């Protein structure tokens, strides 16, 4: 299996057929026999996940988006993504800005304050990038489909995700 880009799933024909067979074995209670046969028939249509259009020609098929896949296989996770994470953002954005403003003040600029200000800034940036990711994954907006952004986004996103525990570790060791 090869992952050319995270924005779109790319599989060769054999891996895609295996993926479909595993998916259908898991969800055979949810899909009728006819639907399973239609899905398996898509395995040899170019190696991507496709949604049938109004005509059966391969030229009239468009790729499934992540929200469409979630709606079929994990509807509860889509609801959590759409209704719980905005609460997380409503608390996280102002909380991290307030923490950064407090810890950057001249009176609080000792070494611990610098670590905590950096932690607040990293968490704020992580939330900002997570919002961009959620716009694509939960709402289906095409925010990460530009050539450079698609490749650079996971690097920056994961770096910001892992810098928070490292800052906490550094803060703990320094104390």
Protein backbone atom coordinates (compact mmCIF):
# COMPACT_ATOMS: atom_id res chain seq x y z
CA UNK A 1 0.00 0.00 0.00
CA UNK A 2 1.32 3.45 -0.79
CA UNK A 3 0.15 6.72 0.67
CA UNK A 4 1.02 9.39 -1.89
CA UNK A 5 -0.72 12.17 0.03
CA UNK A 6 -2.75 12.32 3.21
CA UNK A 7 -5.36 14.44 1.43
CA UNK A 8 -6.52 11.51 -0.68
CA UNK A 9 -6.21 7.74 -0.22
CA UNK A 10 -4.15 6.09 -2.97
CA UNK A 11 -4.00 2.30 -3.12
CA UNK A 12 -3.00 -0.10 -5.82
CA UNK A 13 -5.70 -2.49 -7.06
CA UNK A 14 -4.72 -5.47 -4.87
CA UNK A 15 -4.48 -3.42 -1.67
CA UNK A 16 -7.75 -1.67 -2.44
CA UNK A 17 -9.53 -4.98 -3.01
CA UNK A 18 -8.14 -6.24 0.33
CA UNK A 19 -9.26 -3.04 2.03
CA UNK A 20 -12.75 -3.37 0.59
CA UNK A 21 -12.99 -7.05 1.55
CA UNK A 22 -11.97 -6.27 5.15
CA UNK A 23 -14.40 -3.36 5.28
CA UNK A 24 -17.24 -5.43 3.90
CA UNK A 25 -16.49 -8.33 6.26
CA UNK A 26 -16.70 -5.88 9.16
CA UNK A 27 -19.84 -4.16 7.91
CA UNK A 28 -21.72 -7.06 6.34
CA UNK A 29 -24.55 -6.51 8.82
CA UNK A 30 -24.96 -2.94 7.53
CA UNK A 31 -24.76 -3.52 3.78
CA UNK A 32 -27.02 -5.64 1.63
CA UNK A 33 -25.59 -8.31 -0.66
CA UNK A 34 -26.16 -6.05 -3.68
CA UNK A 35 -24.34 -3.13 -2.04
CA UNK A 36 -21.39 -5.39 -1.18
CA UNK A 37 -21.14 -6.58 -4.78
CA UNK A 38 -21.28 -2.99 -6.05
CA UNK A 39 -18.49 -1.98 -3.66
CA UNK A 40 -16.33 -4.92 -4.68
CA UNK A 41 -16.91 -4.02 -8.32
CA UNK A 42 -15.28 -0.66 -7.64
CA UNK A 43 -11.99 -2.29 -6.63
CA UNK A 44 -10.64 -2.33 -10.16
CA UNK A 45 -11.68 1.21 -11.12
CA UNK A 46 -8.37 2.99 -10.73
CA UNK A 47 -7.39 2.17 -7.14
CA UNK A 48 -9.25 5.00 -5.40
CA UNK A 49 -12.39 5.00 -3.32
CA UNK A 50 -15.15 6.20 -5.65
CA UNK A 51 -18.74 7.29 -5.29
CA UNK A 52 -20.97 6.28 -8.16
CA UNK A 53 -22.37 9.23 -10.08
CA UNK A 54 -25.55 9.35 -12.11
CA UNK A 55 -24.02 7.19 -14.84
CA UNK A 56 -21.92 4.07 -14.31
CA UNK A 57 -18.98 5.31 -16.41
CA UNK A 58 -15.71 5.69 -14.46
CA UNK A 59 -15.40 9.26 -15.77
CA UNK A 60 -18.51 10.28 -13.83
CA UNK A 61 -17.28 9.10 -10.42
CA UNK A 62 -15.88 11.41 -7.81
CA UNK A 63 -13.69 10.49 -4.83
CA UNK A 64 -15.41 9.95 -1.49
CA UNK A 65 -14.62 12.59 1.07
CA UNK A 66 -13.69 11.77 4.64
CA UNK A 67 -17.02 13.06 6.04
CA UNK A 68 -18.86 10.73 3.65
CA UNK A 69 -16.81 7.76 4.86
CA UNK A 70 -17.45 8.75 8.49
CA UNK A 71 -21.17 9.15 7.82
CA UNK A 72 -21.37 5.55 6.60
CA UNK A 73 -18.97 3.73 8.93
CA UNK A 74 -18.72 5.91 12.06
CA UNK A 75 -21.60 8.38 12.32
CA UNK A 76 -21.02 8.96 16.05
CA UNK A 77 -17.45 10.15 15.48
CA UNK A 78 -18.68 12.67 12.93
CA UNK A 79 -21.15 14.06 15.46
CA UNK A 80 -18.40 14.36 18.09
CA UNK A 81 -16.14 16.10 15.58
CA UNK A 82 -18.84 18.56 14.62
CA UNK A 83 -20.31 19.40 18.04
CA UNK A 84 -17.72 18.68 20.75
CA UNK A 85 -14.56 20.11 19.20
CA UNK A 86 -16.03 23.63 18.80
CA UNK A 87 -16.47 23.67 22.59
CA UNK A 88 -12.84 22.61 22.88
CA UNK A 89 -11.85 25.51 20.63
CA UNK A 90 -14.05 27.98 22.55
CA UNK A 91 -12.17 27.12 25.75
CA UNK A 92 -8.72 26.56 24.24
CA UNK A 93 -8.23 29.67 22.11
CA UNK A 94 -8.99 32.30 24.77
CA UNK A 95 -7.42 30.19 27.53
CA UNK A 96 -4.10 29.84 25.73
CA UNK A 97 -4.07 33.51 24.73
CA UNK A 98 -4.72 34.51 28.34
CA UNK A 99 -2.03 32.15 29.64
CA UNK A 100 0.47 33.48 27.10
CA UNK A 101 -0.37 37.09 28.06
CA UNK A 102 0.12 36.31 31.75
CA UNK A 103 3.38 34.39 31.39
CA UNK A 104 5.00 36.87 28.98
CA UNK A 105 4.70 39.79 31.40
CA UNK A 106 8.06 41.15 32.66
CA UNK A 107 7.33 40.14 36.23
CA UNK A 108 6.72 36.52 35.18
CA UNK A 109 9.67 36.14 32.78
CA UNK A 110 11.75 33.76 34.85
CA UNK A 111 12.70 30.40 33.31
CA UNK A 112 9.48 28.69 34.36
CA UNK A 113 7.42 31.54 32.91
CA UNK A 114 9.23 31.23 29.59
CA UNK A 115 8.48 27.50 29.42
CA UNK A 116 4.82 28.09 30.25
CA UNK A 117 4.52 30.94 27.73
CA UNK A 118 6.05 28.71 25.05
CA UNK A 119 3.63 25.93 26.04
CA UNK A 120 0.64 28.28 25.71
CA UNK A 121 1.86 29.51 22.31
CA UNK A 122 2.45 25.95 21.05
CA UNK A 123 -0.97 24.84 22.23
CA UNK A 124 -2.62 27.84 20.58
CA UNK A 125 -0.90 27.09 17.26
CA UNK A 126 -1.81 23.41 17.58
CA UNK A 127 -5.47 24.33 18.10
CA UNK A 128 -5.32 26.62 15.08
CA UNK A 129 -3.92 23.85 12.86
CA UNK A 130 -6.37 21.36 14.35
CA UNK A 131 -9.20 23.71 13.36
CA UNK A 132 -7.91 23.70 9.77
CA UNK A 133 -7.69 19.90 9.86
CA UNK A 134 -11.21 19.58 11.29
CA UNK A 135 -12.58 21.84 8.57
CA UNK A 136 -11.36 19.29 6.04
CA UNK A 137 -12.03 16.05 7.91
CA UNK A 138 -15.36 16.80 9.64
CA UNK A 139 -16.94 19.43 7.41
CA UNK A 140 -15.54 18.44 4.00
CA UNK A 141 -14.02 21.82 3.15
CA UNK A 142 -10.95 21.53 0.95
CA UNK A 143 -8.45 23.41 3.09
CA UNK A 144 -5.38 21.17 2.65
CA UNK A 145 -5.45 20.36 -1.04
CA UNK A 146 -2.74 22.74 -2.23
CA UNK A 147 0.45 20.92 -3.30
CA UNK A 148 2.85 22.37 -0.71
CA UNK A 149 0.32 22.64 2.11
CA UNK A 150 -0.70 19.01 1.76
CA UNK A 151 2.86 17.78 2.33
CA UNK A 152 3.98 20.39 4.89
CA UNK A 153 0.87 20.40 7.07
CA UNK A 154 1.43 16.97 8.73
CA UNK A 155 5.02 17.90 9.59
CA UNK A 156 4.08 21.15 11.30
CA UNK A 157 0.96 19.64 12.87
CA UNK A 158 2.87 16.73 14.41
CA UNK A 159 5.77 18.95 15.49
CA UNK A 160 3.38 21.19 17.41
CA UNK A 161 1.63 18.14 18.84
CA UNK A 162 4.86 16.71 20.23
CA UNK A 163 6.43 19.94 21.42
CA UNK A 164 3.93 20.33 24.29
CA UNK A 165 5.02 17.19 26.18
CA UNK A 166 8.65 18.09 25.51
CA UNK A 167 8.11 21.54 27.03
CA UNK A 168 6.43 19.98 30.06
CA UNK A 169 9.36 17.56 30.40
CA UNK A 170 11.88 20.41 30.13
CA UNK A 171 9.93 22.44 32.68
CA UNK A 172 9.87 19.50 35.09
CA UNK A 173 13.57 18.69 34.71
CA UNK A 174 14.52 22.35 35.11
CA UNK A 175 12.56 22.66 38.36
